[in-house]
Amino acid sequence: QVQLVESGGGLVQAGGSLRLSCAASGSGFSINTMGWYRRAPGKQRELVAVISRSGNTNYGDSVKGRFTISRDNAKNTVYLEMNSLKPEDTAVYYCLTVVTLGVEYWGQGTQVTVSS
């Protein structure tokens, strides 16, 4: 079993920055992909960014050039640096961890609110 602890959400003005973190803990697993998805009110969940164990990244179109994903494999932690935030970035952000055999674990979600 894998436990995920997210942190770093909050309220920020448009143009500001936030950094999200997600730490995975547990035993008996090997982490492959880590990443972030988000769900805004009334909208479907969408990809924000994912990163492989080797560091390959993939970003959603709406965040390219503004957000940066990174990870620390020794700490089983993934980070999301969010810059130039816009009101449309307001959403609950969920951490995703994919372990051995493709099993997915999701965090509880952290709220990011960007005021105009």
C-alpha atoms as a PDB file:
ATOM      1  CA  GLN A   1       0.000   0.000   0.000  1.00  0.00           C
ATOM      2  CA  VAL A   2       1.166   3.490  -0.868  1.00  0.00           C
ATOM      3  CA  GLN A   3       0.263   6.622   1.040  1.00  0.00           C
ATOM      4  CA  LEU A   4       0.491  10.027  -0.618  1.00  0.00           C
ATOM      5  CA  VAL A   5       0.758  13.300   1.272  1.00  0.00           C
ATOM      6  CA  GLU A   6       0.217  16.475  -0.715  1.00  0.00           C
ATOM      7  CA  SER A   7       1.104  19.962   0.392  1.00  0.00           C
ATOM      8  CA  GLY A   8       1.550  23.467  -0.944  1.00  0.00           C
ATOM      9  CA  GLY A   9      -1.888  24.507  -2.123  1.00  0.00           C
ATOM     10  CA  GLY A  10      -3.491  27.786  -1.183  1.00  0.00           C
ATOM     11  CA  LEU A  11      -4.704  31.162  -2.331  1.00  0.00           C
ATOM     12  CA  VAL A  12      -2.600  33.341  -4.602  1.00  0.00           C
ATOM     13  CA  GLN A  13      -3.165  36.371  -6.795  1.00  0.00           C
ATOM     14  CA  ALA A  14      -3.030  36.117 -10.554  1.00  0.00           C
ATOM     15  CA  GLY A  15       0.552  36.223 -11.756  1.00  0.00           C
ATOM     16  CA  GLY A  16       1.821  34.667  -8.568  1.00  0.00           C
ATOM     17  CA  SER A  17       3.487  31.337  -7.887  1.00  0.00           C
ATOM     18  CA  LEU A  18       2.910  28.236  -5.804  1.00  0.00           C
ATOM     19  CA  ARG A  19       4.813  25.006  -5.312  1.00  0.00           C
ATOM     20  CA  LEU A  20       3.052  21.717  -4.708  1.00  0.00           C
ATOM     21  CA  SER A  21       4.695  18.656  -3.200  1.00  0.00           C
ATOM     22  CA  CYS A  22       3.587  15.051  -2.991  1.00  0.00           C
ATOM     23  CA  ALA A  23       5.475  12.497  -0.953  1.00  0.00           C
ATOM     24  CA  ALA A  24       4.854   8.767  -1.335  1.00  0.00           C
ATOM     25  CA  SER A  25       5.462   6.350   1.506  1.00  0.00           C
ATOM     26  CA  GLY A  26       4.982   2.664   2.111  1.00  0.00           C
ATOM     27  CA  SER A  27       6.887  -0.496   1.351  1.00  0.00           C
ATOM     28  CA  GLY A  28       7.155  -3.164  -1.256  1.00  0.00           C
ATOM     29  CA  PHE A  29       6.730  -0.980  -4.290  1.00  0.00           C
ATOM     30  CA  SER A  30       8.730   0.648  -7.018  1.00  0.00           C
ATOM     31  CA  ILE A  31       7.479   3.988  -8.294  1.00  0.00           C
ATOM     32  CA  ASN A  32       7.352   4.572 -12.013  1.00  0.00           C
ATOM     33  CA  THR A  33       5.387   7.634 -13.099  1.00  0.00           C
ATOM     34  CA  MET A  34       4.454  10.486 -10.783  1.00  0.00           C
ATOM     35  CA  GLY A  35       2.422  13.510 -11.649  1.00  0.00           C
ATOM     36  CA  TRP A  36      -0.439  15.898 -11.165  1.00  0.00           C
ATOM     37  CA  TYR A  37      -3.969  16.173 -12.461  1.00  0.00           C
ATOM     38  CA  ARG A  38      -6.566  18.786 -11.618  1.00  0.00           C
ATOM     39  CA  ARG A  39     -10.308  19.164 -11.554  1.00  0.00           C
ATOM     40  CA  ALA A  40     -11.970  22.552 -11.704  1.00  0.00           C
ATOM     41  CA  PRO A  41     -15.613  23.032 -10.667  1.00  0.00           C
ATOM     42  CA  GLY A  42     -17.937  21.772 -13.385  1.00  0.00           C
ATOM     43  CA  LYS A  43     -15.089  20.428 -15.504  1.00  0.00           C
ATOM     44  CA  GLN A  44     -13.504  17.080 -16.166  1.00  0.00           C
ATOM     45  CA  ARG A  45     -10.232  16.050 -14.635  1.00  0.00           C
ATOM     46  CA  GLU A  46      -7.304  17.094 -16.807  1.00  0.00           C
ATOM     47  CA  LEU A  47      -3.627  16.368 -17.038  1.00  0.00           C
ATOM     48  CA  VAL A  48      -1.326  18.968 -15.547  1.00  0.00           C
ATOM     49  CA  ALA A  49       2.029  17.207 -15.770  1.00  0.00           C
ATOM     50  CA  VAL A  50       3.627  13.805 -15.337  1.00  0.00           C
ATOM     51  CA  ILE A  51       7.229  12.695 -15.008  1.00  0.00           C
ATOM     52  CA  SER A  52       8.803   9.277 -15.445  1.00  0.00           C
ATOM     53  CA  ARG A  53      11.383   7.786 -13.157  1.00  0.00           C
ATOM     54  CA  SER A  54      14.071   8.726 -15.679  1.00  0.00           C
ATOM     55  CA  GLY A  55      12.859  12.327 -15.845  1.00  0.00           C
ATOM     56  CA  ASN A  56      10.839  12.393 -19.052  1.00  0.00           C
ATOM     57  CA  THR A  57       7.997  14.885 -18.730  1.00  0.00           C
ATOM     58  CA  ASN A  58       4.627  15.550 -20.329  1.00  0.00           C
ATOM     59  CA  TYR A  59       2.552  18.680 -19.746  1.00  0.00           C
ATOM     60  CA  GLY A  60      -1.013  19.658 -20.406  1.00  0.00           C
ATOM     61  CA  ASP A  61      -1.303  22.291 -23.109  1.00  0.00           C
ATOM     62  CA  SER A  62      -2.769  24.883 -20.769  1.00  0.00           C
ATOM     63  CA  VAL A  63       0.240  24.879 -18.430  1.00  0.00           C
ATOM     64  CA  LYS A  64       3.156  24.502 -20.829  1.00  0.00           C
ATOM     65  CA  GLY A  65       5.761  27.178 -20.272  1.00  0.00           C
ATOM     66  CA  ARG A  66       4.341  28.142 -16.861  1.00  0.00           C
ATOM     67  CA  PHE A  67       4.505  24.987 -14.752  1.00  0.00           C
ATOM     68  CA  THR A  68       7.523  22.761 -14.104  1.00  0.00           C
ATOM     69  CA  ILE A  69       7.381  19.244 -12.718  1.00  0.00           C
ATOM     70  CA  SER A  70      10.315  17.580 -11.004  1.00  0.00           C
ATOM     71  CA  ARG A  71      10.940  14.661  -8.680  1.00  0.00           C
ATOM     72  CA  ASP A  72      13.366  13.377  -6.110  1.00  0.00           C
ATOM     73  CA  ASN A  73      13.555   9.605  -6.481  1.00  0.00           C
ATOM     74  CA  ALA A  74      15.463   9.190  -3.229  1.00  0.00           C
ATOM     75  CA  LYS A  75      12.598  10.866  -1.364  1.00  0.00           C
ATOM     76  CA  ASN A  76       9.773   9.438  -3.511  1.00  0.00           C
ATOM     77  CA  THR A  77       8.552  12.988  -3.911  1.00  0.00           C
ATOM     78  CA  VAL A  78       7.196  14.897  -6.875  1.00  0.00           C
ATOM     79  CA  TYR A  79       7.027  18.675  -7.101  1.00  0.00           C
ATOM     80  CA  LEU A  80       5.031  21.083  -9.226  1.00  0.00           C
ATOM     81  CA  GLU A  81       6.333  24.615  -9.572  1.00  0.00           C
ATOM     82  CA  MET A  82       3.499  26.826 -10.801  1.00  0.00           C
ATOM     83  CA  ASN A  83       4.325  30.282 -12.112  1.00  0.00           C
ATOM     84  CA  SER A  84       2.304  33.003 -13.816  1.00  0.00           C
ATOM     85  CA  LEU A  85      -0.837  31.578 -12.289  1.00  0.00           C
ATOM     86  CA  LYS A  86      -4.172  32.487 -13.834  1.00  0.00           C
ATOM     87  CA  PRO A  87      -7.691  32.382 -12.379  1.00  0.00           C
ATOM     88  CA  GLU A  88      -8.423  29.478 -14.715  1.00  0.00           C
ATOM     89  CA  ASP A  89      -5.778  27.451 -12.873  1.00  0.00           C
ATOM     90  CA  THR A  90      -8.127  27.358  -9.889  1.00  0.00           C
ATOM     91  CA  ALA A  91      -8.852  23.698  -9.164  1.00  0.00           C
ATOM     92  CA  VAL A  92      -8.241  20.816  -6.837  1.00  0.00           C
ATOM     93  CA  TYR A  93      -4.886  19.331  -7.729  1.00  0.00           C
ATOM     94  CA  TYR A  94      -4.401  15.602  -7.300  1.00  0.00           C
ATOM     95  CA  CYS A  95      -1.125  13.764  -7.065  1.00  0.00           C
ATOM     96  CA  LEU A  96      -0.802  10.534  -9.032  1.00  0.00           C
ATOM     97  CA  THR A  97       1.715   7.795  -8.421  1.00  0.00           C
ATOM     98  CA  VAL A  98       1.999   4.749 -10.639  1.00  0.00           C
ATOM     99  CA  VAL A  99       3.866   1.806  -9.165  1.00  0.00           C
ATOM    100  CA  THR A 100       4.742  -1.724 -10.177  1.00  0.00           C
ATOM    101  CA  LEU A 101       2.360  -3.360 -12.675  1.00  0.00           C
ATOM    102  CA  GLY A 102       0.700  -0.040 -13.375  1.00  0.00           C
ATOM    103  CA  VAL A 103      -1.193   0.250 -10.118  1.00  0.00           C
ATOM    104  CA  GLU A 104      -2.308   3.849  -9.548  1.00  0.00           C
ATOM    105  CA  TYR A 105      -2.533   5.729  -6.274  1.00  0.00           C
ATOM    106  CA  TRP A 106      -4.144   9.139  -5.924  1.00  0.00           C
ATOM    107  CA  GLY A 107      -3.692  11.790  -3.278  1.00  0.00           C
ATOM    108  CA  GLN A 108      -6.561  13.395  -1.411  1.00  0.00           C
ATOM    109  CA  GLY A 109      -6.238  16.615  -3.395  1.00  0.00           C
ATOM    110  CA  THR A 110      -5.069  20.089  -2.540  1.00  0.00           C
ATOM    111  CA  GLN A 111      -6.979  23.253  -3.392  1.00  0.00           C
ATOM    112  CA  VAL A 112      -5.333  25.942  -5.498  1.00  0.00           C
ATOM    113  CA  THR A 113      -7.251  29.195  -5.826  1.00  0.00           C
ATOM    114  CA  VAL A 114      -6.049  32.037  -8.030  1.00  0.00           C
ATOM    115  CA  SER A 115      -7.759  35.367  -7.540  1.00  0.00           C
ATOM    116  CA  SER A 116      -8.000  37.969 -10.291  1.00  0.00           C
END
